[in-house]
């Protein structure tokens, strides 16, 4: 696997991991000590997935480059679409408490966990370690 593909996949799987972990989101988004690192926020979790990975065209480029397989895309697509259409309560992307208790957000996480479990069965053991990692955000503050 070339370096560019490997780096993209690592960042992709890590973003999925973060966006499907309610525990991590509660711990990091509500952490009052987290005032110096904006990475640990709802906005940045979404930016890491959509913007940093360049998937604004529904993975068109990544599929063409063979960075993601058709099977992987088919697996993640339902969750991806839910995430893409999500609007926080009162359209406030910084009201993390409202987001964390929003039934729509909770259902997206629930769907994401299902998709993550399906994806974990079709990727390598090494990639599974990234996808299923238990992240301690405090080591980055």
Protein backbone atom coordinates (compact mmCIF):
# COMPACT_ATOMS: atom_id res chain seq x y z
CA UNK A 1 0.00 0.00 0.00
CA UNK A 2 1.48 3.35 -0.97
CA UNK A 3 2.16 5.96 1.71
CA UNK A 4 -0.53 8.40 0.59
CA UNK A 5 -3.21 5.71 0.59
CA UNK A 6 -2.03 4.34 3.93
CA UNK A 7 -2.07 7.80 5.55
CA UNK A 8 -5.53 8.59 4.15
CA UNK A 9 -6.95 5.27 5.37
CA UNK A 10 -5.46 5.76 8.83
CA UNK A 11 -7.04 9.23 9.09
CA UNK A 12 -10.34 7.89 7.67
CA UNK A 13 -10.59 5.06 10.17
CA UNK A 14 -9.60 7.34 13.05
CA UNK A 15 -12.31 9.86 12.07
CA UNK A 16 -14.91 7.08 11.97
CA UNK A 17 -13.72 5.86 15.36
CA UNK A 18 -14.16 9.33 16.89
CA UNK A 19 -17.52 10.01 15.27
CA UNK A 20 -18.97 6.74 16.52
CA UNK A 21 -17.82 6.95 20.14
CA UNK A 22 -20.34 8.70 22.36
CA UNK A 23 -18.07 8.11 25.35
CA UNK A 24 -15.16 9.90 23.68
CA UNK A 25 -17.41 12.74 22.54
CA UNK A 26 -18.82 13.29 26.02
CA UNK A 27 -15.38 13.11 27.61
CA UNK A 28 -13.64 15.41 25.13
CA UNK A 29 -16.35 17.88 24.09
CA UNK A 30 -17.44 18.57 27.67
CA UNK A 31 -13.94 18.64 29.17
CA UNK A 32 -13.45 22.10 30.70
CA UNK A 33 -9.67 21.61 30.46
CA UNK A 34 -10.08 21.33 26.70
CA UNK A 35 -9.84 25.05 25.98
CA UNK A 36 -6.52 25.01 24.16
CA UNK A 37 -7.05 22.20 21.66
CA UNK A 38 -10.01 22.76 19.31
CA UNK A 39 -9.48 19.34 17.72
CA UNK A 40 -11.61 17.81 20.46
CA UNK A 41 -14.89 19.39 19.37
CA UNK A 42 -17.97 18.52 17.33
CA UNK A 43 -16.91 20.91 14.56
CA UNK A 44 -13.42 19.47 14.26
CA UNK A 45 -14.56 15.85 14.41
CA UNK A 46 -16.73 16.59 11.37
CA UNK A 47 -14.02 18.62 9.63
CA UNK A 48 -11.56 15.75 10.09
CA UNK A 49 -14.02 13.44 8.38
CA UNK A 50 -15.48 15.56 5.59
CA UNK A 51 -12.92 18.28 4.86
CA UNK A 52 -9.55 16.78 5.79
CA UNK A 53 -10.34 13.53 4.01
CA UNK A 54 -11.69 15.30 0.93
CA UNK A 55 -14.84 13.22 0.70
CA UNK A 56 -17.22 15.99 -0.25
CA UNK A 57 -18.06 14.15 -3.51
CA UNK A 58 -19.16 10.98 -1.73
CA UNK A 59 -15.76 9.29 -2.01
CA UNK A 60 -15.56 9.68 -5.79
CA UNK A 61 -11.83 10.52 -5.79
CA UNK A 62 -10.91 7.91 -3.17
CA UNK A 63 -12.77 5.19 -5.05
CA UNK A 64 -11.04 6.18 -8.28
CA UNK A 65 -7.64 6.12 -6.52
CA UNK A 66 -8.51 2.74 -4.97
CA UNK A 67 -8.06 4.13 -1.46
CA UNK A 68 -11.44 2.63 -0.56
CA UNK A 69 -13.09 -0.43 -2.04
CA UNK A 70 -16.63 -0.52 -3.40
CA UNK A 71 -17.53 -2.94 -0.61
CA UNK A 72 -16.18 -0.54 2.05
CA UNK A 73 -18.04 2.36 0.47
CA UNK A 74 -21.29 0.39 0.31
CA UNK A 75 -20.83 -0.49 3.97
CA UNK A 76 -20.24 3.06 5.17
CA UNK A 77 -22.57 4.94 2.79
CA UNK A 78 -25.79 4.83 4.89
CA UNK A 79 -24.02 6.30 7.92
CA UNK A 80 -22.08 8.78 5.79
CA UNK A 81 -25.33 10.14 4.35
CA UNK A 82 -26.91 10.51 7.80
CA UNK A 83 -23.84 12.33 9.07
CA UNK A 84 -23.74 14.59 6.02
CA UNK A 85 -27.38 15.63 6.48
CA UNK A 86 -27.15 16.23 10.24
CA UNK A 87 -27.92 19.70 11.55
CA UNK A 88 -27.40 20.35 15.27
CA UNK A 89 -30.26 21.71 17.41
CA UNK A 90 -30.85 25.41 16.68
CA UNK A 91 -28.16 24.99 13.98
CA UNK A 92 -25.57 25.67 16.72
CA UNK A 93 -22.47 23.60 15.97
CA UNK A 94 -20.86 24.75 19.23
CA UNK A 95 -23.64 23.75 21.64
CA UNK A 96 -22.14 20.36 22.35
CA UNK A 97 -24.48 19.61 25.23
CA UNK A 98 -27.49 19.98 22.93
CA UNK A 99 -25.79 17.82 20.30
CA UNK A 100 -24.86 15.08 22.76
CA UNK A 101 -28.48 14.81 23.90
CA UNK A 102 -30.03 15.22 20.45
CA UNK A 103 -31.97 12.09 19.47
CA UNK A 104 -30.92 12.57 15.84
CA UNK A 105 -27.24 12.69 16.80
CA UNK A 106 -27.61 9.64 19.05
CA UNK A 107 -29.24 7.70 16.21
CA UNK A 108 -26.36 8.66 13.90
CA UNK A 109 -23.90 7.32 16.45
CA UNK A 110 -25.96 4.16 16.82
CA UNK A 111 -25.98 3.64 13.05
CA UNK A 112 -22.26 4.45 12.98
CA UNK A 113 -21.50 1.73 15.51
CA UNK A 114 -23.36 -0.81 13.33
CA UNK A 115 -21.45 0.34 10.25
CA UNK A 116 -18.15 0.31 12.14
CA UNK A 117 -18.78 -3.30 13.20
CA UNK A 118 -19.54 -4.31 9.60
CA UNK A 119 -16.48 -2.44 8.33
CA UNK A 120 -14.28 -4.11 10.95
CA UNK A 121 -15.04 -7.48 9.34
CA UNK A 122 -13.74 -6.47 5.91
CA UNK A 123 -10.55 -4.57 6.74
CA UNK A 124 -7.16 -5.80 7.92
CA UNK A 125 -6.24 -6.54 11.53
CA UNK A 126 -3.90 -3.53 11.57
CA UNK A 127 -6.63 -1.22 10.32
CA UNK A 128 -9.04 -2.63 12.88
CA UNK A 129 -6.72 -1.43 15.63
CA UNK A 130 -7.25 2.14 14.36
CA UNK A 131 -10.99 1.75 13.81
CA UNK A 132 -11.64 0.21 17.21
CA UNK A 133 -9.10 2.21 19.25
CA UNK A 134 -10.10 3.46 22.68
CA UNK A 135 -8.87 7.05 22.52
CA UNK A 136 -7.88 8.99 25.62
CA UNK A 137 -8.19 12.62 24.57
CA UNK A 138 -6.48 13.86 27.74
CA UNK A 139 -3.09 12.74 26.48
CA UNK A 140 -3.40 15.38 23.73
CA UNK A 141 -4.45 18.36 25.88
